[in-house]
């Protein structure tokens, strides 16, 4: 999805920076408009509400992340390649868009009744479904995976999100060797 006009872009970027640092619920409209150098009517004109602003952020950055996940999940009879691509693309996206990635992570782990969780639920479901579809296709080649695809998608998404957060915080140095070790451990379990 394209970035909108300049005023909208400034509002989106300033709001995202505030949300990623302090959390969606901790940031008020007044703070956003002051940071963006606009008036409240301008924000309401473009987004209607703080919730509308949240939904626009998720739509723009979340669709980019979802597209990366979709591309990396395109199963071509090489599951290790797909898992490595998913890990690599997630870490790369997090490094390119650290504010959004941290914000998305906070939304995904929010309490289910919060506005942030509700607004991001569709994106999370889409991402999980994409990864689950990859595992379903792979289960045709690897029969022992049948019936476990949903759990695999949940646990693998958790793994790659965690690796991306660790890499962002400089707690994990990513390299081809690190990627190999992470995927090998996932594929074979802790007793390999």
N, C-alpha and C. Protein backbone atom coordinates (compact mmCIF):
# COMPACT_ATOMS: atom_id res chain seq x y z
N UNK A 1 0.84 -1.17 0.00
CA UNK A 1 0.00 0.00 0.00
C UNK A 1 0.89 1.24 0.00
N UNK A 2 0.51 2.25 -0.77
CA UNK A 2 1.29 3.48 -0.86
C UNK A 2 1.12 4.33 0.39
N UNK A 3 2.14 5.12 0.67
CA UNK A 3 2.02 6.08 1.76
C UNK A 3 1.15 7.22 1.26
N UNK A 4 0.29 7.75 2.12
CA UNK A 4 -0.60 8.84 1.74
C UNK A 4 0.14 10.17 1.57
N UNK A 5 -0.66 11.25 1.36
CA UNK A 5 -0.06 12.58 1.15
C UNK A 5 0.78 13.01 2.35
N UNK A 6 1.50 14.11 2.19
CA UNK A 6 2.48 14.55 3.20
C UNK A 6 1.89 14.75 4.59
N UNK A 7 0.77 15.45 4.70
CA UNK A 7 0.18 15.69 6.02
C UNK A 7 -0.21 14.38 6.68
N UNK A 8 -0.86 13.52 5.93
CA UNK A 8 -1.23 12.21 6.48
C UNK A 8 0.01 11.42 6.87
N UNK A 9 1.03 11.48 6.05
CA UNK A 9 2.26 10.75 6.33
C UNK A 9 2.89 11.23 7.64
N UNK A 10 2.94 12.53 7.82
CA UNK A 10 3.51 13.09 9.06
C UNK A 10 2.70 12.62 10.26
N UNK A 11 1.39 12.69 10.17
CA UNK A 11 0.53 12.25 11.28
C UNK A 11 0.77 10.78 11.58
N UNK A 12 0.78 9.96 10.54
CA UNK A 12 0.99 8.52 10.72
C UNK A 12 2.34 8.23 11.37
N UNK A 13 3.39 8.86 10.87
CA UNK A 13 4.73 8.60 11.40
C UNK A 13 4.89 9.08 12.83
N UNK A 14 4.36 10.26 13.14
CA UNK A 14 4.47 10.78 14.51
C UNK A 14 3.65 9.93 15.47
N UNK A 15 2.45 9.54 15.06
CA UNK A 15 1.61 8.70 15.92
C UNK A 15 2.27 7.34 16.13
N UNK A 16 2.80 6.76 15.07
CA UNK A 16 3.47 5.46 15.20
C UNK A 16 4.65 5.56 16.15
N UNK A 17 5.43 6.62 16.04
CA UNK A 17 6.58 6.78 16.94
C UNK A 17 6.12 6.86 18.40
N UNK A 18 5.06 7.61 18.65
CA UNK A 18 4.53 7.71 20.02
C UNK A 18 3.97 6.38 20.49
N UNK A 19 3.19 5.72 19.65
CA UNK A 19 2.58 4.44 20.02
C UNK A 19 3.65 3.39 20.30
N UNK A 20 4.70 3.37 19.49
CA UNK A 20 5.72 2.33 19.67
C UNK A 20 6.55 2.57 20.94
N UNK A 21 6.71 3.83 21.31
CA UNK A 21 7.47 4.13 22.54
C UNK A 21 6.64 3.96 23.80
N UNK A 22 5.36 4.34 23.74
CA UNK A 22 4.58 4.41 24.98
C UNK A 22 3.34 3.52 25.00
N UNK A 23 2.98 2.96 23.87
CA UNK A 23 1.78 2.14 23.81
C UNK A 23 0.58 2.94 23.35
N UNK A 24 -0.30 2.29 22.66
CA UNK A 24 -1.48 2.94 22.09
C UNK A 24 -2.33 3.62 23.15
N UNK A 25 -2.63 2.91 24.22
CA UNK A 25 -3.53 3.44 25.25
C UNK A 25 -2.94 4.60 26.04
N UNK A 26 -1.64 4.74 26.04
CA UNK A 26 -0.98 5.79 26.83
C UNK A 26 -0.82 7.11 26.08
N UNK A 27 -1.17 7.13 24.83
CA UNK A 27 -0.99 8.32 24.00
C UNK A 27 -2.35 8.93 23.69
N UNK A 28 -2.46 10.23 23.92
CA UNK A 28 -3.71 10.93 23.63
C UNK A 28 -3.66 11.69 22.32
N UNK A 29 -4.83 12.07 21.84
CA UNK A 29 -4.95 12.84 20.60
C UNK A 29 -4.15 14.14 20.68
N UNK A 30 -4.25 14.84 21.81
CA UNK A 30 -3.55 16.12 21.96
C UNK A 30 -2.05 15.96 21.74
N UNK A 31 -1.50 14.91 22.30
CA UNK A 31 -0.07 14.64 22.15
C UNK A 31 0.30 14.38 20.68
N UNK A 32 -0.55 13.64 20.00
CA UNK A 32 -0.30 13.34 18.58
C UNK A 32 -0.31 14.61 17.75
N UNK A 33 -1.33 15.45 17.94
CA UNK A 33 -1.43 16.66 17.11
C UNK A 33 -0.28 17.63 17.41
N UNK A 34 0.14 17.71 18.67
CA UNK A 34 1.28 18.57 19.01
C UNK A 34 2.56 18.05 18.35
N UNK A 35 2.76 16.75 18.42
CA UNK A 35 3.96 16.14 17.82
C UNK A 35 3.96 16.31 16.30
N UNK A 36 2.78 16.22 15.68
CA UNK A 36 2.68 16.33 14.22
C UNK A 36 2.59 17.78 13.75
N UNK A 37 2.38 18.71 14.68
CA UNK A 37 2.28 20.12 14.30
C UNK A 37 1.01 20.44 13.54
N UNK A 38 -0.08 19.79 13.93
CA UNK A 38 -1.37 20.00 13.26
C UNK A 38 -2.44 20.31 14.31
N UNK A 39 -3.66 20.52 13.85
CA UNK A 39 -4.78 20.73 14.76
C UNK A 39 -5.60 19.45 14.88
N UNK A 40 -6.41 19.38 15.93
CA UNK A 40 -7.28 18.20 16.08
C UNK A 40 -8.21 18.03 14.89
N UNK A 41 -8.83 19.12 14.39
CA UNK A 41 -9.70 18.94 13.22
C UNK A 41 -8.97 18.31 12.01
N UNK A 42 -7.69 18.61 11.87
CA UNK A 42 -6.93 18.01 10.76
C UNK A 42 -6.81 16.51 10.96
N UNK A 43 -6.48 16.08 12.17
CA UNK A 43 -6.39 14.64 12.45
C UNK A 43 -7.74 13.97 12.21
N UNK A 44 -8.81 14.60 12.71
CA UNK A 44 -10.14 14.01 12.54
C UNK A 44 -10.56 14.00 11.07
N UNK A 45 -10.13 15.00 10.30
CA UNK A 45 -10.44 15.04 8.88
C UNK A 45 -9.86 13.82 8.17
N UNK A 46 -8.61 13.51 8.46
CA UNK A 46 -7.93 12.41 7.78
C UNK A 46 -8.29 11.03 8.33
N UNK A 47 -8.51 10.92 9.64
CA UNK A 47 -8.65 9.60 10.24
C UNK A 47 -9.95 9.39 11.02
N UNK A 48 -10.68 10.45 11.32
CA UNK A 48 -11.95 10.31 12.02
C UNK A 48 -11.82 10.18 13.52
N UNK A 49 -10.78 9.49 13.98
CA UNK A 49 -10.60 9.23 15.41
C UNK A 49 -9.22 8.64 15.64
N UNK A 50 -8.88 8.48 16.90
CA UNK A 50 -7.63 7.81 17.24
C UNK A 50 -7.68 6.36 16.75
N UNK A 51 -8.85 5.74 16.86
CA UNK A 51 -9.03 4.37 16.38
C UNK A 51 -8.81 4.30 14.86
N UNK A 52 -9.31 5.28 14.14
CA UNK A 52 -9.10 5.33 12.69
C UNK A 52 -7.63 5.47 12.34
N UNK A 53 -6.91 6.24 13.13
CA UNK A 53 -5.47 6.39 12.95
C UNK A 53 -4.76 5.06 13.19
N UNK A 54 -5.15 4.37 14.25
CA UNK A 54 -4.60 3.04 14.55
C UNK A 54 -4.84 2.08 13.38
N UNK A 55 -6.05 2.06 12.88
CA UNK A 55 -6.38 1.16 11.78
C UNK A 55 -5.59 1.49 10.52
N UNK A 56 -5.34 2.78 10.27
CA UNK A 56 -4.54 3.17 9.11
C UNK A 56 -3.10 2.70 9.25
N UNK A 57 -2.54 2.83 10.45
CA UNK A 57 -1.16 2.37 10.69
C UNK A 57 -1.07 0.87 10.45
N UNK A 58 -2.01 0.13 11.01
CA UNK A 58 -2.00 -1.33 10.83
C UNK A 58 -2.17 -1.69 9.36
N UNK A 59 -3.04 -0.97 8.67
CA UNK A 59 -3.28 -1.25 7.25
C UNK A 59 -2.03 -1.01 6.41
N UNK A 60 -1.36 0.09 6.64
CA UNK A 60 -0.20 0.44 5.81
C UNK A 60 1.00 -0.45 6.12
N UNK A 61 1.45 -0.45 7.36
CA UNK A 61 2.65 -1.22 7.71
C UNK A 61 2.35 -2.71 7.83
N UNK A 62 1.19 -3.03 8.36
CA UNK A 62 0.81 -4.44 8.52
C UNK A 62 0.66 -5.14 7.19
N UNK A 63 0.13 -4.44 6.19
CA UNK A 63 -0.01 -5.07 4.86
C UNK A 63 1.36 -5.35 4.25
N UNK A 64 2.31 -4.48 4.51
CA UNK A 64 3.68 -4.73 4.01
C UNK A 64 4.27 -5.97 4.68
N UNK A 65 4.10 -6.07 6.00
CA UNK A 65 4.62 -7.23 6.72
C UNK A 65 3.91 -8.50 6.25
N UNK A 66 2.61 -8.44 6.10
CA UNK A 66 1.85 -9.60 5.66
C UNK A 66 2.28 -10.06 4.27
N UNK A 67 2.57 -9.11 3.38
CA UNK A 67 3.03 -9.46 2.03
C UNK A 67 4.38 -10.18 2.09
N UNK A 68 5.27 -9.75 2.97
CA UNK A 68 6.56 -10.43 3.13
C UNK A 68 6.35 -11.86 3.63
N UNK A 69 5.47 -12.01 4.60
CA UNK A 69 5.17 -13.34 5.14
C UNK A 69 4.58 -14.23 4.05
N UNK A 70 3.68 -13.68 3.26
CA UNK A 70 3.06 -14.44 2.19
C UNK A 70 4.09 -14.90 1.16
N UNK A 71 4.96 -14.02 0.76
CA UNK A 71 5.99 -14.37 -0.22
C UNK A 71 6.94 -15.44 0.33
N UNK A 72 7.38 -15.28 1.56
CA UNK A 72 8.31 -16.24 2.17
C UNK A 72 7.64 -17.59 2.44
N UNK A 73 6.31 -17.60 2.54
CA UNK A 73 5.57 -18.84 2.84
C UNK A 73 5.16 -19.61 1.60
N UNK A 74 5.49 -19.11 0.43
CA UNK A 74 5.09 -19.77 -0.81
C UNK A 74 5.85 -21.10 -0.92
N UNK A 75 5.19 -22.18 -0.53
CA UNK A 75 5.84 -23.48 -0.41
C UNK A 75 6.18 -24.07 -1.77
N UNK A 76 7.45 -24.46 -1.93
CA UNK A 76 7.95 -25.06 -3.17
C UNK A 76 8.73 -26.33 -2.86
N UNK A 77 8.17 -27.12 -1.95
CA UNK A 77 8.72 -28.43 -1.59
C UNK A 77 10.09 -28.36 -0.92
N UNK A 78 10.35 -27.26 -0.23
CA UNK A 78 11.60 -27.12 0.53
C UNK A 78 11.27 -26.34 1.81
N UNK A 79 10.81 -27.06 2.82
CA UNK A 79 10.35 -26.42 4.05
C UNK A 79 11.45 -25.64 4.75
N UNK A 80 12.65 -26.17 4.76
CA UNK A 80 13.76 -25.46 5.40
C UNK A 80 13.98 -24.10 4.74
N UNK A 81 13.88 -24.06 3.41
CA UNK A 81 14.02 -22.80 2.70
C UNK A 81 12.93 -21.82 3.14
N UNK A 82 11.69 -22.30 3.23
CA UNK A 82 10.59 -21.42 3.64
C UNK A 82 10.77 -20.91 5.07
N UNK A 83 11.12 -21.80 5.97
CA UNK A 83 11.29 -21.39 7.37
C UNK A 83 12.43 -20.38 7.50
N UNK A 84 13.51 -20.62 6.78
CA UNK A 84 14.64 -19.68 6.81
C UNK A 84 14.23 -18.34 6.23
N UNK A 85 13.49 -18.36 5.13
CA UNK A 85 13.03 -17.11 4.51
C UNK A 85 12.10 -16.35 5.45
N UNK A 86 11.21 -17.06 6.13
CA UNK A 86 10.31 -16.40 7.09
C UNK A 86 11.09 -15.75 8.22
N UNK A 87 12.06 -16.45 8.75
CA UNK A 87 12.90 -15.89 9.81
C UNK A 87 13.66 -14.67 9.30
N UNK A 88 14.31 -14.82 8.17
CA UNK A 88 15.13 -13.74 7.61
C UNK A 88 14.28 -12.51 7.29
N UNK A 89 13.15 -12.71 6.64
CA UNK A 89 12.29 -11.58 6.25
C UNK A 89 11.70 -10.88 7.47
N UNK A 90 11.34 -11.64 8.49
CA UNK A 90 10.78 -11.03 9.70
C UNK A 90 11.83 -10.18 10.40
N UNK A 91 13.03 -10.71 10.54
CA UNK A 91 14.11 -9.94 11.17
C UNK A 91 14.44 -8.71 10.34
N UNK A 92 14.51 -8.88 9.03
CA UNK A 92 14.81 -7.75 8.15
C UNK A 92 13.73 -6.66 8.27
N UNK A 93 12.47 -7.07 8.24
CA UNK A 93 11.38 -6.10 8.37
C UNK A 93 11.49 -5.37 9.71
N UNK A 94 11.74 -6.11 10.77
CA UNK A 94 11.86 -5.49 12.10
C UNK A 94 13.00 -4.47 12.13
N UNK A 95 14.09 -4.79 11.46
CA UNK A 95 15.22 -3.85 11.43
C UNK A 95 14.94 -2.64 10.55
N UNK A 96 14.15 -2.82 9.50
CA UNK A 96 13.78 -1.71 8.62
C UNK A 96 12.70 -0.83 9.23
N UNK A 97 11.80 -1.44 9.98
CA UNK A 97 10.66 -0.73 10.57
C UNK A 97 10.57 -1.03 12.07
N UNK A 98 11.59 -0.67 12.84
CA UNK A 98 11.61 -1.06 14.26
C UNK A 98 10.43 -0.51 15.06
N UNK A 99 10.04 0.73 14.79
CA UNK A 99 8.91 1.31 15.52
C UNK A 99 7.64 0.53 15.28
N UNK A 100 7.35 0.26 14.00
CA UNK A 100 6.13 -0.49 13.71
C UNK A 100 6.22 -1.90 14.26
N UNK A 101 7.34 -2.57 14.08
CA UNK A 101 7.43 -3.96 14.53
C UNK A 101 7.22 -4.06 16.04
N UNK A 102 7.84 -3.17 16.79
CA UNK A 102 7.64 -3.18 18.25
C UNK A 102 6.17 -2.90 18.59
N UNK A 103 5.58 -1.95 17.87
CA UNK A 103 4.18 -1.62 18.11
C UNK A 103 3.28 -2.81 17.78
N UNK A 104 3.52 -3.43 16.63
CA UNK A 104 2.74 -4.60 16.25
C UNK A 104 2.87 -5.70 17.30
N UNK A 105 4.06 -5.93 17.78
CA UNK A 105 4.28 -6.95 18.81
C UNK A 105 3.48 -6.64 20.07
N UNK A 106 3.45 -5.36 20.44
CA UNK A 106 2.68 -4.99 21.63
C UNK A 106 1.18 -5.18 21.40
N UNK A 107 0.70 -4.88 20.20
CA UNK A 107 -0.72 -5.08 19.90
C UNK A 107 -1.08 -6.56 19.94
N UNK A 108 -0.24 -7.39 19.33
CA UNK A 108 -0.51 -8.82 19.28
C UNK A 108 -0.52 -9.46 20.66
N UNK A 109 0.19 -8.87 21.61
CA UNK A 109 0.24 -9.47 22.94
C UNK A 109 -0.61 -8.71 23.96
N UNK A 110 -1.42 -7.77 23.49
CA UNK A 110 -2.31 -7.02 24.38
C UNK A 110 -3.45 -7.91 24.85
N UNK A 111 -4.13 -7.44 25.88
CA UNK A 111 -5.33 -8.15 26.35
C UNK A 111 -6.38 -8.15 25.25
N UNK A 112 -7.10 -9.26 25.08
CA UNK A 112 -8.05 -9.39 23.96
C UNK A 112 -9.16 -8.33 23.92
N UNK A 113 -9.46 -7.71 25.04
CA UNK A 113 -10.54 -6.72 25.05
C UNK A 113 -10.08 -5.30 24.69
N UNK A 114 -8.78 -5.11 24.48
CA UNK A 114 -8.28 -3.76 24.18
C UNK A 114 -8.51 -3.39 22.72
N UNK A 115 -8.59 -2.09 22.47
CA UNK A 115 -8.78 -1.60 21.10
C UNK A 115 -7.64 -2.04 20.19
N UNK A 116 -6.43 -2.01 20.71
CA UNK A 116 -5.27 -2.40 19.90
C UNK A 116 -5.31 -3.84 19.47
N UNK A 117 -5.66 -4.72 20.39
CA UNK A 117 -5.74 -6.14 20.06
C UNK A 117 -6.84 -6.37 19.03
N UNK A 118 -7.99 -5.76 19.27
CA UNK A 118 -9.13 -5.94 18.36
C UNK A 118 -8.78 -5.42 16.96
N UNK A 119 -8.15 -4.25 16.89
CA UNK A 119 -7.79 -3.67 15.59
C UNK A 119 -6.75 -4.50 14.85
N UNK A 120 -5.88 -5.19 15.58
CA UNK A 120 -4.82 -5.96 14.93
C UNK A 120 -5.16 -7.44 14.75
N UNK A 121 -6.31 -7.86 15.25
CA UNK A 121 -6.67 -9.29 15.20
C UNK A 121 -6.74 -9.82 13.77
N UNK A 122 -7.27 -9.04 12.86
CA UNK A 122 -7.37 -9.49 11.47
C UNK A 122 -6.00 -9.73 10.85
N UNK A 123 -5.07 -8.85 11.13
CA UNK A 123 -3.71 -9.01 10.61
C UNK A 123 -3.06 -10.26 11.19
N UNK A 124 -3.17 -10.44 12.49
CA UNK A 124 -2.57 -11.62 13.13
C UNK A 124 -3.17 -12.90 12.55
N UNK A 125 -4.49 -12.92 12.39
CA UNK A 125 -5.17 -14.09 11.82
C UNK A 125 -4.68 -14.36 10.40
N UNK A 126 -4.54 -13.30 9.62
CA UNK A 126 -4.07 -13.43 8.23
C UNK A 126 -2.65 -14.02 8.19
N UNK A 127 -1.78 -13.53 9.04
CA UNK A 127 -0.40 -14.02 9.08
C UNK A 127 -0.36 -15.48 9.51
N UNK A 128 -1.09 -15.81 10.57
CA UNK A 128 -1.12 -17.20 11.04
C UNK A 128 -1.69 -18.13 9.98
N UNK A 129 -2.74 -17.69 9.31
CA UNK A 129 -3.36 -18.50 8.26
C UNK A 129 -2.40 -18.75 7.10
N UNK A 130 -1.64 -17.74 6.74
CA UNK A 130 -0.66 -17.87 5.66
C UNK A 130 0.40 -18.91 6.02
N UNK A 131 0.91 -18.82 7.24
CA UNK A 131 1.93 -19.78 7.68
C UNK A 131 1.33 -21.17 7.83
N UNK A 132 0.11 -21.25 8.32
CA UNK A 132 -0.55 -22.56 8.45
C UNK A 132 -0.74 -23.20 7.08
N UNK A 133 -1.11 -22.42 6.09
CA UNK A 133 -1.26 -22.94 4.73
C UNK A 133 0.06 -23.51 4.22
N UNK A 134 1.16 -22.84 4.51
CA UNK A 134 2.48 -23.36 4.13
C UNK A 134 2.71 -24.73 4.77
N UNK A 135 2.41 -24.85 6.07
CA UNK A 135 2.60 -26.12 6.76
C UNK A 135 1.66 -27.20 6.21
N UNK A 136 0.45 -26.83 5.82
CA UNK A 136 -0.48 -27.81 5.23
C UNK A 136 0.08 -28.34 3.91
N UNK A 137 0.63 -27.44 3.11
CA UNK A 137 1.22 -27.88 1.84
C UNK A 137 2.44 -28.76 2.10
N UNK A 138 3.22 -28.39 3.09
CA UNK A 138 4.42 -29.19 3.43
C UNK A 138 4.03 -30.55 3.98
N UNK A 139 2.88 -30.65 4.63
CA UNK A 139 2.47 -31.93 5.21
C UNK A 139 2.16 -32.97 4.13
N UNK A 140 1.92 -32.54 2.91
CA UNK A 140 1.75 -33.48 1.80
C UNK A 140 3.06 -34.19 1.49
N UNK A 141 4.17 -33.48 1.73
CA UNK A 141 5.50 -34.07 1.52
C UNK A 141 6.02 -34.76 2.78
N UNK A 142 5.51 -34.34 3.91
CA UNK A 142 5.98 -34.85 5.21
C UNK A 142 4.75 -35.28 6.02
N UNK A 143 4.32 -36.50 5.81
CA UNK A 143 3.08 -37.00 6.39
C UNK A 143 2.98 -36.91 7.90
N UNK A 144 4.11 -36.97 8.60
CA UNK A 144 4.06 -36.92 10.06
C UNK A 144 3.63 -35.55 10.59
N UNK A 145 3.50 -34.56 9.72
CA UNK A 145 3.08 -33.22 10.12
C UNK A 145 1.57 -33.05 10.11
N UNK A 146 0.86 -33.95 9.46
CA UNK A 146 -0.59 -33.81 9.29
C UNK A 146 -1.29 -33.66 10.65
N UNK A 147 -2.21 -32.71 10.68
CA UNK A 147 -3.00 -32.47 11.88
C UNK A 147 -2.34 -31.53 12.88
N UNK A 148 -1.11 -31.14 12.62
CA UNK A 148 -0.38 -30.27 13.56
C UNK A 148 -0.09 -28.89 12.96
N UNK A 149 -0.61 -28.63 11.79
CA UNK A 149 -0.25 -27.42 11.05
C UNK A 149 -0.58 -26.13 11.81
N UNK A 150 -1.72 -26.10 12.47
CA UNK A 150 -2.10 -24.89 13.21
C UNK A 150 -1.11 -24.62 14.35
N UNK A 151 -0.78 -25.66 15.11
CA UNK A 151 0.17 -25.49 16.21
C UNK A 151 1.55 -25.10 15.68
N UNK A 152 1.95 -25.69 14.56
CA UNK A 152 3.23 -25.31 13.96
C UNK A 152 3.24 -23.82 13.59
N UNK A 153 2.15 -23.35 13.02
CA UNK A 153 2.11 -21.94 12.61
C UNK A 153 2.19 -21.01 13.82
N UNK A 154 1.50 -21.37 14.89
CA UNK A 154 1.52 -20.54 16.11
C UNK A 154 2.92 -20.52 16.71
N UNK A 155 3.52 -21.69 16.87
CA UNK A 155 4.83 -21.75 17.52
C UNK A 155 5.93 -21.14 16.64
N UNK A 156 5.83 -21.34 15.33
CA UNK A 156 6.87 -20.77 14.48
C UNK A 156 6.77 -19.25 14.42
N UNK A 157 5.55 -18.72 14.34
CA UNK A 157 5.41 -17.27 14.35
C UNK A 157 5.97 -16.69 15.66
N UNK A 158 5.68 -17.36 16.76
CA UNK A 158 6.23 -16.91 18.04
C UNK A 158 7.75 -16.91 18.04
N UNK A 159 8.33 -17.95 17.45
CA UNK A 159 9.79 -18.05 17.38
C UNK A 159 10.39 -16.91 16.56
N UNK A 160 9.86 -16.68 15.37
CA UNK A 160 10.47 -15.66 14.51
C UNK A 160 10.23 -14.25 15.05
N UNK A 161 9.07 -14.01 15.66
CA UNK A 161 8.83 -12.70 16.28
C UNK A 161 9.82 -12.47 17.42
N UNK A 162 10.05 -13.50 18.23
CA UNK A 162 11.00 -13.39 19.34
C UNK A 162 12.41 -13.13 18.82
N UNK A 163 12.83 -13.87 17.80
CA UNK A 163 14.16 -13.66 17.22
C UNK A 163 14.30 -12.23 16.70
N UNK A 164 13.26 -11.72 16.05
CA UNK A 164 13.31 -10.36 15.52
C UNK A 164 13.43 -9.34 16.64
N UNK A 165 12.67 -9.52 17.72
CA UNK A 165 12.78 -8.60 18.86
C UNK A 165 14.16 -8.66 19.49
N UNK A 166 14.69 -9.87 19.65
CA UNK A 166 16.04 -10.02 20.21
C UNK A 166 17.09 -9.35 19.32
N UNK A 167 16.95 -9.52 18.02
CA UNK A 167 17.89 -8.88 17.08
C UNK A 167 17.77 -7.36 17.16
N UNK A 168 16.55 -6.85 17.26
CA UNK A 168 16.35 -5.40 17.37
C UNK A 168 17.02 -4.83 18.62
N UNK A 169 16.99 -5.59 19.68
CA UNK A 169 17.56 -5.14 20.95
C UNK A 169 19.03 -5.51 21.10
N UNK A 170 19.62 -6.01 20.02
CA UNK A 170 21.03 -6.42 20.01
C UNK A 170 21.34 -7.54 21.00
N UNK A 171 20.35 -8.36 21.29
CA UNK A 171 20.54 -9.52 22.15
C UNK A 171 20.80 -10.79 21.34
N UNK A 172 20.65 -10.69 20.02
CA UNK A 172 20.88 -11.81 19.12
C UNK A 172 21.50 -11.25 17.85
N UNK A 173 22.65 -11.76 17.49
CA UNK A 173 23.31 -11.33 16.26
C UNK A 173 22.93 -12.34 15.18
N UNK A 174 22.22 -11.85 14.18
CA UNK A 174 21.77 -12.73 13.11
C UNK A 174 22.87 -12.91 12.07
N UNK A 175 23.02 -14.15 11.63
CA UNK A 175 23.95 -14.50 10.57
C UNK A 175 23.38 -15.74 9.89
N UNK A 176 23.96 -16.14 8.81
CA UNK A 176 23.52 -17.36 8.13
C UNK A 176 23.64 -18.54 9.08
N UNK A 177 24.71 -18.58 9.84
CA UNK A 177 24.90 -19.68 10.80
C UNK A 177 23.84 -19.64 11.90
N UNK A 178 23.53 -18.45 12.41
CA UNK A 178 22.50 -18.33 13.44
C UNK A 178 21.15 -18.77 12.89
N UNK A 179 20.83 -18.33 11.67
CA UNK A 179 19.58 -18.75 11.04
C UNK A 179 19.51 -20.27 10.94
N UNK A 180 20.61 -20.88 10.49
CA UNK A 180 20.66 -22.33 10.36
C UNK A 180 20.40 -23.00 11.71
N UNK A 181 21.06 -22.53 12.74
CA UNK A 181 20.91 -23.15 14.06
C UNK A 181 19.48 -23.00 14.59
N UNK A 182 18.87 -21.84 14.38
CA UNK A 182 17.49 -21.62 14.84
C UNK A 182 16.54 -22.55 14.11
N UNK A 183 16.65 -22.61 12.79
CA UNK A 183 15.75 -23.46 12.00
C UNK A 183 16.02 -24.93 12.29
N UNK A 184 17.26 -25.32 12.42
CA UNK A 184 17.61 -26.71 12.73
C UNK A 184 16.99 -27.11 14.07
N UNK A 185 17.11 -26.25 15.06
CA UNK A 185 16.53 -26.56 16.36
C UNK A 185 15.01 -26.66 16.27
N UNK A 186 14.38 -25.76 15.52
CA UNK A 186 12.93 -25.82 15.35
C UNK A 186 12.52 -27.12 14.66
N UNK A 187 13.22 -27.47 13.61
CA UNK A 187 12.87 -28.66 12.83
C UNK A 187 13.08 -29.95 13.62
N UNK A 188 14.11 -29.99 14.44
CA UNK A 188 14.48 -31.24 15.09
C UNK A 188 14.22 -31.26 16.59
N UNK A 189 13.87 -30.15 17.16
CA UNK A 189 13.60 -30.12 18.59
C UNK A 189 14.86 -29.97 19.41
N UNK A 190 14.69 -29.85 20.70
CA UNK A 190 15.82 -29.56 21.57
C UNK A 190 16.72 -30.75 21.82
N UNK A 191 16.28 -31.95 21.47
CA UNK A 191 17.10 -33.13 21.71
C UNK A 191 17.98 -33.50 20.53
N UNK A 192 18.02 -32.66 19.49
CA UNK A 192 18.84 -33.00 18.33
C UNK A 192 20.27 -32.57 18.53
